[in-house]
N, C-alpha and C. Protein backbone atom coordinates (compact mmCIF):
# COMPACT_ATOMS: atom_id res chain seq x y z
N MET A 1 -99.75 -65.60 -24.51
CA MET A 1 -98.51 -65.41 -24.91
C MET A 1 -98.18 -64.81 -23.46
N LYS A 2 -98.65 -63.87 -22.97
CA LYS A 2 -97.81 -63.30 -22.19
C LYS A 2 -97.97 -63.81 -20.64
N ASN A 3 -98.96 -64.74 -20.43
CA ASN A 3 -99.06 -65.36 -19.05
C ASN A 3 -97.76 -66.72 -19.60
N THR A 4 -97.53 -67.48 -20.54
CA THR A 4 -96.44 -68.17 -20.78
C THR A 4 -95.05 -67.73 -19.95
N HIS A 5 -95.00 -66.33 -20.75
CA HIS A 5 -93.90 -65.66 -20.31
C HIS A 5 -93.42 -65.35 -18.93
N LEU A 6 -94.87 -65.36 -18.30
CA LEU A 6 -94.56 -64.62 -16.79
C LEU A 6 -94.81 -66.04 -15.81
N ILE A 7 -94.93 -66.92 -16.32
CA ILE A 7 -94.79 -68.28 -15.66
C ILE A 7 -93.25 -68.69 -15.84
N LEU A 8 -92.75 -68.45 -17.30
CA LEU A 8 -91.07 -68.49 -17.28
C LEU A 8 -90.15 -68.29 -16.24
N ILE A 9 -90.40 -66.84 -16.77
CA ILE A 9 -89.45 -65.79 -15.73
C ILE A 9 -89.70 -66.36 -14.43
N LEU A 10 -91.04 -66.74 -13.91
CA LEU A 10 -91.27 -67.46 -12.05
C LEU A 10 -90.54 -68.51 -12.33
N ALA A 11 -90.63 -69.03 -13.07
CA ALA A 11 -89.39 -70.93 -12.82
C ALA A 11 -88.15 -70.40 -12.88
N VAL A 12 -87.46 -69.44 -13.48
CA VAL A 12 -86.57 -69.14 -13.82
C VAL A 12 -85.66 -68.43 -12.37
N LEU A 13 -86.84 -67.29 -11.79
CA LEU A 13 -85.96 -67.07 -11.01
C LEU A 13 -86.28 -67.98 -9.33
N LEU A 14 -87.53 -69.06 -9.63
CA LEU A 14 -87.40 -69.92 -8.42
C LEU A 14 -86.25 -70.87 -8.84
N GLY A 15 -85.95 -71.57 -10.13
CA GLY A 15 -84.44 -72.01 -10.11
C GLY A 15 -83.29 -70.71 -9.41
N PHE A 16 -82.83 -69.82 -9.53
CA PHE A 16 -81.50 -69.18 -9.31
C PHE A 16 -81.97 -69.19 -7.75
N ALA A 17 -83.20 -68.84 -7.23
CA ALA A 17 -83.53 -69.15 -5.57
C ALA A 17 -82.99 -70.15 -5.17
N SER A 18 -83.78 -71.66 -5.84
CA SER A 18 -82.79 -72.94 -4.91
C SER A 18 -81.71 -73.16 -4.98
N CYS A 19 -80.91 -72.78 -6.18
CA CYS A 19 -79.73 -72.49 -6.64
C CYS A 19 -78.83 -72.18 -5.46
N GLN A 20 -78.78 -71.00 -4.66
CA GLN A 20 -78.64 -69.73 -3.77
C GLN A 20 -78.66 -70.16 -2.62
N LYS A 21 -79.51 -71.11 -2.05
CA LYS A 21 -79.88 -71.84 -1.09
C LYS A 21 -78.90 -72.91 -1.19
N ALA A 22 -79.06 -73.95 -2.25
CA ALA A 22 -78.04 -74.74 -2.15
C ALA A 22 -76.70 -74.48 -1.50
N ALA A 23 -76.01 -73.52 -2.65
CA ALA A 23 -74.95 -72.47 -2.76
C ALA A 23 -74.90 -72.54 -0.52
N GLU A 24 -75.65 -71.86 -0.65
CA GLU A 24 -75.37 -71.18 1.24
C GLU A 24 -75.09 -72.54 2.28
N VAL A 25 -76.07 -73.51 1.96
CA VAL A 25 -75.57 -74.85 2.60
C VAL A 25 -74.64 -75.46 2.06
N ALA A 26 -73.98 -75.42 1.06
CA ALA A 26 -72.41 -76.12 0.78
C ALA A 26 -71.66 -75.54 1.21
N GLN A 27 -71.73 -73.74 2.13
CA GLN A 27 -70.47 -73.37 2.64
C GLN A 27 -70.58 -73.73 4.09
N LYS A 28 -71.39 -74.71 4.76
CA LYS A 28 -71.08 -75.08 5.92
C LYS A 28 -71.14 -76.75 6.15
N THR A 29 -70.10 -76.88 7.12
CA THR A 29 -69.80 -78.08 7.43
C THR A 29 -69.73 -78.65 9.28
N THR A 30 -70.23 -79.87 9.26
CA THR A 30 -70.45 -79.78 10.64
C THR A 30 -70.28 -81.54 10.90
N TYR A 31 -68.82 -81.49 10.72
CA TYR A 31 -68.57 -83.00 11.55
C TYR A 31 -69.84 -83.70 12.54
N GLU A 32 -70.36 -84.96 11.85
CA GLU A 32 -70.98 -85.30 13.14
C GLU A 32 -70.54 -86.42 14.48
N VAL A 33 -69.22 -85.30 14.78
CA VAL A 33 -68.52 -85.97 15.92
C VAL A 33 -68.94 -85.72 17.34
N VAL A 34 -69.71 -86.24 18.17
CA VAL A 34 -69.60 -86.62 19.50
C VAL A 34 -68.89 -87.47 20.42
N GLY A 35 -67.55 -86.61 21.20
CA GLY A 35 -66.72 -87.99 21.49
C GLY A 35 -65.88 -87.69 21.04
N GLU A 36 -64.53 -88.77 21.33
CA GLU A 36 -63.45 -88.74 20.47
C GLU A 36 -63.29 -88.71 19.24
N ALA A 37 -62.15 -88.16 18.39
CA ALA A 37 -62.45 -88.58 16.79
C ALA A 37 -60.80 -89.14 16.44
N GLU A 38 -60.81 -90.03 15.97
CA GLU A 38 -59.61 -90.28 15.03
C GLU A 38 -58.98 -89.39 14.46
N VAL A 39 -59.54 -88.17 14.01
CA VAL A 39 -58.76 -87.77 13.57
C VAL A 39 -59.39 -85.94 13.78
N VAL A 40 -58.60 -85.21 14.56
CA VAL A 40 -59.36 -83.88 15.42
C VAL A 40 -59.13 -83.19 14.66
N PRO A 41 -58.10 -82.24 13.86
CA PRO A 41 -58.10 -81.07 12.99
C PRO A 41 -58.90 -81.19 11.43
N GLY A 42 -59.46 -79.97 11.76
CA GLY A 42 -60.66 -79.88 10.39
C GLY A 42 -61.98 -78.69 10.57
N ASN A 43 -62.43 -78.53 9.95
CA ASN A 43 -63.30 -77.67 9.81
C ASN A 43 -64.49 -78.21 10.49
N TYR A 44 -65.27 -77.35 11.37
CA TYR A 44 -66.63 -77.87 12.49
C TYR A 44 -67.46 -76.08 12.08
N GLY A 45 -68.70 -76.78 12.09
CA GLY A 45 -69.87 -75.58 12.20
C GLY A 45 -69.08 -74.96 10.59
N ASP A 46 -69.66 -73.72 9.91
CA ASP A 46 -68.99 -72.95 9.03
C ASP A 46 -68.28 -72.64 8.56
N LEU A 47 -67.82 -72.99 7.14
CA LEU A 47 -66.50 -72.39 6.74
C LEU A 47 -66.02 -71.46 7.06
N ILE A 48 -64.76 -71.54 7.57
CA ILE A 48 -63.84 -69.87 7.63
C ILE A 48 -62.84 -70.08 7.11
N ASN A 49 -62.49 -68.94 6.77
CA ASN A 49 -61.25 -68.64 5.83
C ASN A 49 -60.46 -68.29 7.01
N GLU A 50 -59.26 -67.98 6.53
CA GLU A 50 -58.09 -67.24 8.38
C GLU A 50 -57.61 -66.33 7.81
N GLU A 51 -58.24 -65.75 7.05
CA GLU A 51 -57.91 -63.81 6.86
C GLU A 51 -58.59 -63.10 8.08
N ALA A 52 -57.94 -61.95 8.36
CA ALA A 52 -58.18 -61.22 9.41
C ALA A 52 -58.60 -61.53 10.82
N VAL A 53 -57.66 -62.46 10.67
CA VAL A 53 -58.08 -63.13 12.58
C VAL A 53 -56.80 -62.44 13.35
N LEU A 54 -57.68 -62.03 14.31
CA LEU A 54 -57.34 -61.06 15.77
C LEU A 54 -56.89 -62.10 17.05
N THR A 55 -55.80 -61.83 17.74
CA THR A 55 -55.14 -62.89 18.92
C THR A 55 -56.30 -62.26 19.96
N THR A 56 -55.72 -63.49 20.93
CA THR A 56 -56.85 -63.11 22.01
C THR A 56 -57.28 -61.87 22.75
N ALA A 57 -55.60 -61.05 22.39
CA ALA A 57 -55.40 -59.81 23.39
C ALA A 57 -56.22 -58.65 22.93
N GLU A 58 -56.35 -58.67 21.22
CA GLU A 58 -57.05 -57.73 20.71
C GLU A 58 -58.96 -57.98 21.03
N MET A 59 -58.82 -58.90 20.57
CA MET A 59 -60.73 -59.68 20.84
C MET A 59 -60.87 -58.99 22.47
N VAL A 60 -59.93 -59.26 23.51
CA VAL A 60 -59.93 -58.82 25.05
C VAL A 60 -59.80 -57.53 25.19
N SER A 61 -59.37 -56.73 24.66
CA SER A 61 -59.36 -55.05 24.26
C SER A 61 -60.87 -54.60 23.36
N LYS A 62 -60.68 -55.17 22.08
CA LYS A 62 -62.39 -54.89 22.08
C LYS A 62 -63.63 -54.50 22.93
N VAL A 63 -63.43 -56.30 23.71
CA VAL A 63 -64.79 -56.13 24.35
C VAL A 63 -64.93 -55.32 25.55
N GLU A 64 -63.74 -55.28 26.19
CA GLU A 64 -63.20 -54.06 26.94
C GLU A 64 -63.79 -52.86 27.31
N ALA A 65 -63.49 -52.31 25.32
CA ALA A 65 -64.13 -51.25 25.26
C ALA A 65 -65.28 -51.17 25.05
N ASP A 66 -66.04 -52.30 24.18
CA ASP A 66 -67.10 -52.56 23.60
C ASP A 66 -68.95 -52.92 23.91
N GLY A 67 -68.25 -54.10 24.93
CA GLY A 67 -68.96 -54.86 25.71
C GLY A 67 -68.92 -56.41 24.89
N THR A 68 -68.92 -56.20 23.14
CA THR A 68 -68.63 -56.86 22.48
C THR A 68 -67.56 -56.85 21.61
N PHE A 69 -67.68 -58.23 20.60
CA PHE A 69 -66.34 -58.53 19.68
C PHE A 69 -67.16 -58.92 18.63
N GLU A 70 -66.88 -58.87 17.59
CA GLU A 70 -67.71 -59.96 16.78
C GLU A 70 -66.22 -59.61 15.31
N GLY A 71 -66.32 -61.00 15.07
CA GLY A 71 -65.14 -61.71 14.21
C GLY A 71 -63.78 -62.83 14.28
N LYS A 72 -62.86 -62.55 13.88
CA LYS A 72 -62.25 -64.33 14.20
C LYS A 72 -60.95 -63.98 15.09
N ILE A 73 -60.88 -64.78 15.72
CA ILE A 73 -59.52 -65.15 16.32
C ILE A 73 -58.59 -66.43 16.52
N SER A 74 -57.73 -66.45 17.02
CA SER A 74 -56.62 -67.34 17.39
C SER A 74 -56.68 -68.18 18.61
N GLY A 75 -56.23 -69.26 19.08
CA GLY A 75 -55.76 -69.93 20.17
C GLY A 75 -55.50 -71.12 19.89
N GLU A 76 -55.50 -71.75 21.29
CA GLU A 76 -55.52 -72.92 22.01
C GLU A 76 -56.32 -73.51 22.36
N ILE A 77 -56.94 -74.63 22.59
CA ILE A 77 -58.06 -75.36 22.92
C ILE A 77 -57.20 -75.85 24.69
N LYS A 78 -57.89 -75.25 25.65
CA LYS A 78 -57.28 -76.32 26.79
C LYS A 78 -57.92 -76.81 27.74
N GLU A 79 -59.97 -77.29 27.56
CA GLU A 79 -60.12 -78.17 28.20
C GLU A 79 -61.54 -78.05 27.06
N VAL A 80 -62.08 -79.54 27.12
CA VAL A 80 -63.46 -79.60 26.28
C VAL A 80 -64.49 -80.14 27.40
N CYS A 81 -65.52 -79.93 26.78
CA CYS A 81 -66.79 -80.93 27.70
C CYS A 81 -66.30 -82.53 27.39
N THR A 82 -66.04 -82.67 28.23
CA THR A 82 -65.86 -84.07 28.23
C THR A 82 -67.16 -85.37 27.88
N LYS A 83 -68.11 -84.62 27.87
CA LYS A 83 -69.43 -85.22 27.61
C LYS A 83 -69.62 -85.45 26.29
N LYS A 84 -69.95 -84.30 25.40
CA LYS A 84 -69.94 -84.27 24.05
C LYS A 84 -69.30 -83.36 23.19
N GLY A 85 -68.17 -82.71 23.59
CA GLY A 85 -67.71 -81.20 22.77
C GLY A 85 -68.56 -80.02 23.14
N CYS A 86 -69.91 -80.19 23.91
CA CYS A 86 -70.57 -79.27 23.39
C CYS A 86 -69.57 -77.60 23.98
N TRP A 87 -68.62 -77.73 24.36
CA TRP A 87 -67.99 -76.00 24.89
C TRP A 87 -67.07 -76.64 25.24
N PHE A 88 -65.88 -76.01 24.91
CA PHE A 88 -64.45 -76.01 25.25
C PHE A 88 -63.76 -74.37 25.66
N ALA A 89 -62.64 -74.70 26.48
CA ALA A 89 -62.39 -72.95 27.24
C ALA A 89 -61.07 -72.61 26.48
N MET A 90 -60.29 -71.25 26.53
CA MET A 90 -59.24 -71.09 25.90
C MET A 90 -58.59 -70.04 27.04
N GLU A 91 -57.51 -69.98 26.82
CA GLU A 91 -56.79 -69.08 27.80
C GLU A 91 -56.34 -67.91 27.36
N LEU A 92 -56.89 -66.94 28.28
CA LEU A 92 -56.73 -65.64 28.14
C LEU A 92 -55.40 -65.05 28.45
N PRO A 93 -55.29 -63.77 27.82
CA PRO A 93 -53.69 -63.02 28.35
C PRO A 93 -53.66 -62.69 29.57
N ASN A 94 -54.98 -62.35 29.81
CA ASN A 94 -54.80 -62.14 31.81
C ASN A 94 -54.85 -63.46 33.03
N GLY A 95 -54.83 -64.44 31.92
CA GLY A 95 -54.71 -65.42 32.99
C GLY A 95 -56.22 -66.37 33.31
N GLN A 96 -57.07 -65.78 32.35
CA GLN A 96 -58.01 -66.24 32.88
C GLN A 96 -58.76 -67.30 31.83
N SER A 97 -59.89 -68.02 31.55
CA SER A 97 -60.11 -68.90 30.57
C SER A 97 -61.37 -67.77 30.07
N MET A 98 -61.86 -68.35 28.60
CA MET A 98 -63.18 -67.99 28.30
C MET A 98 -63.60 -69.36 27.99
N ARG A 99 -64.79 -69.23 27.80
CA ARG A 99 -65.64 -70.78 27.15
C ARG A 99 -65.93 -69.95 26.05
N VAL A 100 -65.92 -70.91 25.12
CA VAL A 100 -66.86 -71.14 24.39
C VAL A 100 -67.56 -71.97 23.75
N THR A 101 -69.01 -71.72 23.04
CA THR A 101 -70.19 -72.71 23.10
C THR A 101 -70.18 -72.48 21.27
N PHE A 102 -71.65 -73.39 20.67
CA PHE A 102 -71.70 -73.23 19.35
C PHE A 102 -73.10 -72.47 18.67
N LYS A 103 -73.31 -71.88 18.33
CA LYS A 103 -74.63 -71.53 17.65
C LYS A 103 -75.15 -72.33 17.64
N ASP A 104 -76.30 -72.24 18.63
CA ASP A 104 -77.65 -73.13 18.13
C ASP A 104 -76.98 -74.16 18.50
N TYR A 105 -76.17 -74.76 19.57
CA TYR A 105 -76.07 -76.05 19.76
C TYR A 105 -75.34 -76.94 18.38
N GLY A 106 -75.18 -76.29 17.18
CA GLY A 106 -75.37 -76.66 15.69
C GLY A 106 -74.28 -77.58 15.05
N PHE A 107 -72.96 -77.77 16.02
CA PHE A 107 -71.39 -78.34 15.90
C PHE A 107 -71.27 -78.78 17.75
N PHE A 108 -70.40 -79.48 17.43
CA PHE A 108 -69.58 -79.74 18.65
C PHE A 108 -67.81 -79.99 18.23
N ILE A 109 -66.64 -80.05 19.10
CA ILE A 109 -65.58 -80.23 18.85
C ILE A 109 -65.42 -81.51 19.16
N PRO A 110 -64.41 -82.49 18.60
CA PRO A 110 -64.26 -83.64 19.38
C PRO A 110 -63.56 -83.45 21.05
N THR A 111 -63.81 -84.43 21.94
CA THR A 111 -63.46 -84.48 23.70
C THR A 111 -62.04 -84.45 23.27
N ASN A 112 -61.67 -84.89 22.58
CA ASN A 112 -60.20 -85.34 22.61
C ASN A 112 -59.13 -84.23 21.56
N SER A 113 -59.25 -82.93 21.79
CA SER A 113 -58.97 -82.16 21.23
C SER A 113 -58.18 -80.81 21.93
N GLN A 114 -57.70 -81.11 23.33
CA GLN A 114 -56.98 -80.24 23.75
C GLN A 114 -55.85 -80.16 23.55
N GLY A 115 -54.83 -78.88 23.42
CA GLY A 115 -54.02 -78.39 23.05
C GLY A 115 -53.58 -78.34 21.74
N PHE A 116 -55.50 -78.37 20.93
CA PHE A 116 -54.94 -78.08 19.76
C PHE A 116 -55.02 -76.96 19.46
N PRO A 117 -54.55 -75.91 18.53
CA PRO A 117 -54.95 -74.68 18.14
C PRO A 117 -55.80 -74.27 17.28
N ILE A 118 -56.61 -73.35 17.08
CA ILE A 118 -57.48 -73.45 16.28
C ILE A 118 -58.02 -71.42 16.05
N VAL A 119 -58.27 -71.30 15.33
CA VAL A 119 -58.97 -70.37 14.76
C VAL A 119 -60.61 -70.35 14.83
N MET A 120 -61.30 -69.78 14.81
CA MET A 120 -62.19 -69.41 15.23
C MET A 120 -62.92 -68.37 14.61
N ASP A 121 -64.63 -68.12 14.39
CA ASP A 121 -65.74 -67.15 14.19
C ASP A 121 -66.99 -67.29 14.63
N GLY A 122 -66.80 -65.69 14.96
CA GLY A 122 -68.52 -65.56 16.09
C GLY A 122 -68.20 -64.48 16.86
N VAL A 123 -68.98 -64.21 17.77
CA VAL A 123 -69.19 -63.07 18.83
C VAL A 123 -68.81 -63.55 20.32
N ALA A 124 -68.27 -62.57 20.74
CA ALA A 124 -67.50 -62.25 22.23
C ALA A 124 -68.48 -61.59 23.28
N THR A 125 -68.74 -61.53 24.05
CA THR A 125 -69.70 -60.72 24.76
C THR A 125 -68.90 -60.42 26.22
N LEU A 126 -69.16 -59.27 26.92
CA LEU A 126 -68.81 -60.04 28.47
C LEU A 126 -69.86 -59.97 28.87
N SER A 127 -70.16 -61.28 29.73
CA SER A 127 -71.65 -61.60 30.68
C SER A 127 -71.29 -61.92 31.54
N GLU A 128 -72.42 -62.14 32.36
CA GLU A 128 -72.44 -62.52 33.80
C GLU A 128 -73.08 -64.13 33.59
N THR A 129 -72.07 -65.36 34.30
CA THR A 129 -72.42 -66.59 34.16
C THR A 129 -73.01 -67.30 35.58
N ASP A 130 -74.49 -67.71 35.64
CA ASP A 130 -75.04 -67.92 36.79
C ASP A 130 -74.60 -69.26 36.95
N VAL A 131 -74.96 -69.42 38.65
CA VAL A 131 -74.42 -70.23 39.35
C VAL A 131 -74.69 -71.60 38.85
N GLU A 132 -75.47 -71.88 38.32
CA GLU A 132 -76.52 -73.38 37.33
C GLU A 132 -75.76 -73.39 36.72
N THR A 133 -75.83 -72.40 35.68
CA THR A 133 -74.38 -73.16 34.75
C THR A 133 -73.20 -73.21 34.48
N LEU A 134 -72.57 -72.39 35.58
CA LEU A 134 -71.46 -72.55 36.31
C LEU A 134 -70.88 -74.30 36.57
N ARG A 135 -72.16 -74.84 37.49
CA ARG A 135 -72.00 -75.75 37.98
C ARG A 135 -71.64 -76.99 36.86
N HIS A 136 -73.10 -76.80 35.95
CA HIS A 136 -73.42 -77.86 35.50
C HIS A 136 -71.74 -77.84 34.39
N PHE A 137 -71.14 -76.59 33.42
CA PHE A 137 -69.82 -76.75 33.55
C PHE A 137 -69.35 -77.42 34.20
N ALA A 138 -69.01 -77.63 35.13
CA ALA A 138 -68.33 -78.19 36.39
C ALA A 138 -68.45 -79.68 36.64
N GLU A 139 -69.60 -80.16 35.91
CA GLU A 139 -70.14 -81.48 35.41
C GLU A 139 -69.45 -82.20 34.40
N ASP A 140 -69.67 -80.81 33.46
CA ASP A 140 -69.53 -81.66 32.29
C ASP A 140 -68.01 -81.74 32.36
N GLN A 141 -67.18 -81.04 33.08
CA GLN A 141 -65.82 -81.60 32.87
C GLN A 141 -65.21 -82.43 34.24
N GLY A 142 -66.49 -83.11 34.66
CA GLY A 142 -66.03 -84.45 35.20
C GLY A 142 -65.65 -84.17 36.61
N LYS A 143 -66.25 -83.13 37.01
CA LYS A 143 -65.21 -82.14 38.37
C LYS A 143 -66.19 -83.04 39.87
N SER A 144 -65.48 -83.71 41.01
CA SER A 144 -66.04 -83.64 42.18
C SER A 144 -67.57 -83.25 42.35
N LYS A 145 -68.36 -84.03 43.33
CA LYS A 145 -69.45 -83.18 43.93
C LYS A 145 -69.17 -82.33 44.37
N GLU A 146 -68.27 -82.51 45.61
CA GLU A 146 -67.73 -81.25 46.18
C GLU A 146 -67.42 -79.74 45.54
N GLU A 147 -66.81 -80.25 44.60
CA GLU A 147 -66.47 -78.82 43.54
C GLU A 147 -67.18 -78.31 43.17
N VAL A 148 -67.74 -79.04 43.18
CA VAL A 148 -69.79 -78.27 41.96
C VAL A 148 -70.38 -77.44 42.64
N GLU A 149 -70.61 -78.07 44.28
CA GLU A 149 -71.16 -77.41 45.60
C GLU A 149 -70.22 -76.26 45.94
N ALA A 150 -68.99 -76.26 45.79
CA ALA A 150 -68.28 -75.20 46.15
C ALA A 150 -68.72 -73.62 45.16
N ILE A 151 -69.19 -74.17 44.31
CA ILE A 151 -69.67 -73.15 43.31
C ILE A 151 -70.98 -72.30 43.84
N THR A 152 -70.38 -70.87 44.21
CA THR A 152 -72.12 -70.46 44.80
C THR A 152 -72.06 -69.14 44.52
N GLU A 153 -71.21 -68.39 43.65
CA GLU A 153 -71.46 -66.83 43.33
C GLU A 153 -71.02 -67.50 41.50
N PRO A 154 -72.34 -66.36 40.67
CA PRO A 154 -72.14 -66.16 39.36
C PRO A 154 -70.59 -64.89 39.05
N LYS A 155 -70.36 -65.72 37.76
CA LYS A 155 -68.77 -65.30 37.75
C LYS A 155 -68.77 -64.60 36.05
N LYS A 156 -68.48 -63.26 36.61
CA LYS A 156 -68.29 -62.28 35.31
C LYS A 156 -67.19 -62.85 34.26
N GLU A 157 -67.09 -62.71 33.25
CA GLU A 157 -66.80 -63.15 32.29
C GLU A 157 -66.87 -63.27 30.81
N ILE A 158 -66.05 -63.65 29.89
CA ILE A 158 -65.55 -63.33 28.40
C ILE A 158 -66.03 -64.53 28.34
N THR A 159 -67.27 -64.88 27.28
CA THR A 159 -68.14 -65.91 26.19
C THR A 159 -67.54 -65.92 25.12
N PHE A 160 -67.91 -66.72 24.38
CA PHE A 160 -67.93 -66.45 23.21
C PHE A 160 -68.66 -67.66 22.22
N GLU A 161 -69.26 -67.26 20.93
CA GLU A 161 -70.13 -68.18 20.84
C GLU A 161 -69.86 -67.78 19.45
N ALA A 162 -69.28 -69.57 19.33
CA ALA A 162 -68.60 -69.39 17.44
C ALA A 162 -69.60 -70.15 16.69
N THR A 163 -69.18 -69.30 15.25
CA THR A 163 -70.52 -70.20 14.30
C THR A 163 -69.45 -71.10 13.64
N GLY A 164 -68.34 -71.40 13.48
CA GLY A 164 -67.52 -72.19 12.83
C GLY A 164 -65.92 -72.03 13.09
N VAL A 165 -65.50 -72.97 13.93
CA VAL A 165 -64.03 -73.48 14.04
C VAL A 165 -63.22 -74.15 12.96
N VAL A 166 -61.94 -73.57 13.17
CA VAL A 166 -61.03 -74.79 12.45
C VAL A 166 -59.90 -75.19 13.64
N ILE A 167 -59.47 -76.49 13.30
CA ILE A 167 -59.03 -77.13 14.95
C ILE A 167 -57.55 -77.72 13.56
N LYS A 168 -56.56 -76.75 14.00
CA LYS A 168 -55.38 -77.04 12.99
C LYS A 168 -54.47 -78.24 13.89
N SER A 169 -53.51 -78.75 12.98
CA SER A 169 -52.84 -79.36 13.92
C SER A 169 -51.29 -79.31 14.37
N LYS A 170 -51.30 -79.79 15.52
CA LYS A 170 -50.35 -79.31 16.90
C LYS A 170 -49.20 -79.39 15.78
N ALA A 171 -48.19 -78.36 16.17
CA ALA A 171 -47.00 -78.17 15.24
C ALA A 171 -45.94 -79.12 15.63
């Protein structure tokens, strides 16, 4: 009898664990977009809410002070990887741009999402991007062979790895 109770309790616990994992999976959305999309606005990657969102200026201050920032920021998409939307760039208040990639290449955004406002969640860090990676990004942008070969020095910059983004409609 005791064994029956133990098995029943174990079955209930396993049921709760699988329900919890299903709930975690339901909290993610990944539009399977590679290339242009008919409808750009939407949620890509992890579902995020739009509470406690900072400006890019506030994020830059935190990265410059601490070397890193974790949280949500808002801005506008300036450039997008033209091959499959695997990264995009945002303009920072100091005139520089910040490259945004997606955690584990788990999702992409439409290649036609330039100029759309965005809210994203993730981690920003102050890092140095090597020449090979900078050249790869330049090729993704469709730059000429001469422009790609002109890249000869690494670049110190703020980069952002997003876990989820919300692309909003243009105003």
